[in-house]
Amino acid sequence: MKRIKSQHYYYAAIIGIFLLLKQYYTATSNNDLKFLLTPTNALVSLLFGSSPQYSTSFGYVYDNLNIVIEKSCSGYNFWILCFAMLAFLTVNSYKTHLKKIAAILLILTISWLLTIFVNTSRIATAIFISEQFPNSSKQFPWLHQSEGIFIYLSFLIAFYMILNRLLTKFKTTNA
């Protein structure tokens, strides 16, 4: 296959996918995001030994944990941001069109798996904080959002550093 010199088309495609997914989110409901909500819910249920009730309008409601897992805590924005970051980092590592396209599609799936893990971690941390500090949500209404930002940003940085290191190591061993 012919080696590609210009990455611009792939960067445009990644940005296009990101923007399309972002636009899609504005019109979604809990049912539309079940591909993120259901696996996250399954892991939260497993971790805490609790069963929720599902409602199309509310999402997964855990009465005993006093939480609701719904659209705004699906991790969707993290998913598309993680996808874009990892795709931008990876696309230069391949030389053929087919490998670049396959890598972009694979990264879409890998970022989905990472999102399930990170979102479950974020929800588990939020439950732990609310159990340790029962009045924290009333005293510090910004705490839940700050905790989410901290966890998402920490994992994005960690994923970037790990993948960058692996790609750098792979390039030097194959050079």
Protein backbone atom coordinates (compact mmCIF):
# COMPACT_ATOMS: atom_id res chain seq x y z
CA MET A 1 0.00 0.00 0.00
CA LYS A 2 1.01 3.54 -0.62
CA ARG A 3 2.50 5.51 2.28
CA ILE A 4 0.48 8.57 3.30
CA LYS A 5 2.42 11.79 3.72
CA SER A 6 -0.39 14.11 4.76
CA GLN A 7 -2.35 13.43 7.93
CA HIS A 8 -4.79 16.28 7.39
CA TYR A 9 -7.59 14.07 6.07
CA TYR A 10 -7.41 11.84 9.10
CA TYR A 11 -7.35 14.74 11.51
CA ALA A 12 -10.38 16.21 9.72
CA ALA A 13 -12.14 12.84 9.93
CA ILE A 14 -11.42 12.58 13.68
CA ILE A 15 -12.70 16.11 14.25
CA GLY A 16 -15.74 15.33 12.09
CA ILE A 17 -16.54 12.18 14.07
CA PHE A 18 -16.10 14.13 17.31
CA LEU A 19 -18.44 16.92 16.16
CA LEU A 20 -21.07 14.48 14.86
CA LEU A 21 -21.03 12.57 18.14
CA LYS A 22 -21.21 15.83 20.09
CA GLN A 23 -24.21 16.95 18.03
CA TYR A 24 -25.87 13.56 18.50
CA TYR A 25 -25.61 13.96 22.29
CA THR A 26 -27.76 17.09 22.29
CA ALA A 27 -30.76 15.08 21.08
CA THR A 28 -30.25 11.93 23.15
CA SER A 29 -32.24 10.44 25.97
CA ASN A 30 -31.35 7.86 28.59
CA ASN A 31 -32.45 5.10 26.20
CA ASP A 32 -30.11 6.40 23.47
CA LEU A 33 -27.17 6.22 25.87
CA LYS A 34 -27.80 2.71 27.15
CA PHE A 35 -24.61 1.58 25.41
CA LEU A 36 -22.77 3.55 28.13
CA LEU A 37 -25.31 3.49 30.96
CA THR A 38 -26.03 -0.25 31.01
CA PRO A 39 -22.45 -1.54 31.38
CA THR A 40 -21.64 1.20 33.90
CA ASN A 41 -24.79 0.31 35.84
CA ALA A 42 -23.85 -3.38 35.78
CA LEU A 43 -20.43 -2.63 37.29
CA VAL A 44 -21.87 -0.27 39.93
CA SER A 45 -24.47 -2.92 40.84
CA LEU A 46 -21.73 -5.52 41.13
CA LEU A 47 -19.44 -3.29 43.20
CA PHE A 48 -22.11 -2.23 45.67
CA GLY A 49 -24.36 -5.31 45.62
CA SER A 50 -27.35 -3.15 44.83
CA SER A 51 -30.09 -3.34 42.23
CA PRO A 52 -31.55 -0.23 40.64
CA GLN A 53 -34.87 0.49 39.04
CA TYR A 54 -34.67 1.71 35.44
CA SER A 55 -36.85 4.52 34.20
CA THR A 56 -36.67 6.05 30.73
CA SER A 57 -37.03 9.54 32.14
CA PHE A 58 -34.77 9.14 35.20
CA GLY A 59 -32.23 6.45 34.27
CA TYR A 60 -30.97 3.89 36.80
CA VAL A 61 -32.27 4.84 40.24
CA TYR A 62 -30.55 3.42 43.33
CA ASP A 63 -32.76 4.26 46.28
CA ASN A 64 -30.46 2.65 48.85
CA LEU A 65 -27.34 4.45 47.52
CA ASN A 66 -29.22 7.69 46.95
CA ILE A 67 -27.92 8.07 43.38
CA VAL A 68 -29.25 8.17 39.85
CA ILE A 69 -27.18 7.13 36.84
CA GLU A 70 -28.60 8.99 33.86
CA LYS A 71 -27.66 10.93 30.72
CA SER A 72 -25.54 13.58 32.42
CA CYS A 73 -23.45 10.96 34.21
CA SER A 74 -23.14 8.56 31.29
CA GLY A 75 -19.56 9.60 30.56
CA TYR A 76 -20.49 10.41 26.95
CA ASN A 77 -18.42 13.60 26.76
CA PHE A 78 -15.44 11.78 28.27
CA TRP A 79 -15.88 9.02 25.68
CA ILE A 80 -15.73 11.33 22.67
CA LEU A 81 -12.91 13.39 24.16
CA CYS A 82 -10.92 10.25 24.98
CA PHE A 83 -11.56 8.98 21.44
CA ALA A 84 -10.34 12.22 19.83
CA MET A 85 -7.23 12.43 22.02
CA LEU A 86 -6.20 8.80 21.48
CA ALA A 87 -6.98 8.94 17.75
CA PHE A 88 -4.89 12.08 17.24
CA LEU A 89 -2.04 10.46 19.12
CA THR A 90 -2.24 7.15 17.24
CA VAL A 91 -3.03 8.03 13.63
CA ASN A 92 0.59 8.92 12.79
CA SER A 93 1.79 5.50 13.90
CA TYR A 94 0.40 3.74 10.83
CA LYS A 95 1.53 4.02 7.25
CA THR A 96 -1.40 2.76 5.16
CA HIS A 97 -4.94 4.04 4.69
CA LEU A 98 -6.44 0.76 5.82
CA LYS A 99 -4.41 0.63 9.04
CA LYS A 100 -5.21 4.26 9.86
CA ILE A 101 -8.95 3.71 9.35
CA ALA A 102 -8.84 0.46 11.36
CA ALA A 103 -6.94 2.25 14.15
CA ILE A 104 -9.54 5.03 14.32
CA LEU A 105 -12.38 2.49 14.54
CA LEU A 106 -10.49 0.41 17.11
CA ILE A 107 -9.82 3.51 19.20
CA LEU A 108 -13.54 4.32 19.16
CA THR A 109 -14.12 0.92 20.79
CA ILE A 110 -11.15 1.13 23.16
CA SER A 111 -12.21 4.59 24.35
CA TRP A 112 -15.71 3.18 24.99
CA LEU A 113 -14.22 0.46 27.22
CA LEU A 114 -12.03 3.00 29.01
CA THR A 115 -15.08 5.21 29.54
CA ILE A 116 -17.00 2.38 31.21
CA PHE A 117 -14.07 1.80 33.58
CA VAL A 118 -13.46 5.50 34.33
CA ASN A 119 -17.14 6.32 34.74
CA THR A 120 -17.63 3.42 37.13
CA SER A 121 -14.61 4.67 39.09
CA ARG A 122 -16.08 8.18 39.19
CA ILE A 123 -19.47 6.94 40.40
CA ALA A 124 -17.87 4.65 43.01
CA THR A 125 -15.79 7.59 44.27
CA ALA A 126 -18.88 9.79 44.47
CA ILE A 127 -20.72 7.11 46.46
CA PHE A 128 -17.73 6.71 48.79
CA ILE A 129 -17.53 10.48 49.37
CA SER A 130 -21.26 10.72 50.07
CA GLU A 131 -21.06 7.80 52.52
CA GLN A 132 -18.06 9.26 54.34
CA PHE A 133 -19.42 12.80 54.37
CA PRO A 134 -23.23 12.51 54.33
CA ASN A 135 -23.95 16.26 54.24
CA SER A 136 -21.21 17.13 51.75
CA SER A 137 -23.61 17.58 48.81
CA LYS A 138 -25.61 20.15 50.76
CA GLN A 139 -22.58 21.95 52.22
CA PHE A 140 -20.48 21.80 49.05
CA PRO A 141 -22.78 21.53 46.00
CA TRP A 142 -19.77 21.90 43.68
CA LEU A 143 -17.98 18.86 45.16
CA HIS A 144 -19.63 16.24 42.94
CA GLN A 145 -18.78 18.09 39.74
CA SER A 146 -15.23 18.84 40.92
CA GLU A 147 -14.66 15.20 41.77
CA GLY A 148 -15.83 14.20 38.28
CA ILE A 149 -13.57 16.75 36.59
CA PHE A 150 -10.59 15.59 38.67
CA ILE A 151 -11.14 11.91 37.88
CA TYR A 152 -11.82 12.43 34.17
CA LEU A 153 -8.84 14.73 33.71
CA SER A 154 -6.53 12.43 35.69
CA PHE A 155 -7.47 9.43 33.57
CA LEU A 156 -7.17 11.38 30.30
CA ILE A 157 -3.65 12.45 31.25
CA ALA A 158 -2.75 8.91 32.35
CA PHE A 159 -4.11 7.36 29.14
CA TYR A 160 -2.24 9.91 27.05
CA MET A 161 1.04 9.31 28.86
CA ILE A 162 0.72 5.51 28.69
CA LEU A 163 -0.21 5.42 25.00
CA ASN A 164 2.43 8.00 24.08
CA ARG A 165 5.08 5.97 25.90
CA LEU A 166 3.96 2.72 24.24
CA LEU A 167 3.92 4.31 20.78
CA THR A 168 7.35 5.89 21.35
CA LYS A 169 8.76 2.58 22.54
CA PHE A 170 7.16 0.73 19.61
CA LYS A 171 8.61 3.22 17.10
CA THR A 172 12.15 2.98 18.54
CA THR A 173 12.11 -0.84 18.61
CA ASN A 174 10.80 -1.00 15.01
CA ALA A 175 13.01 1.75 13.61
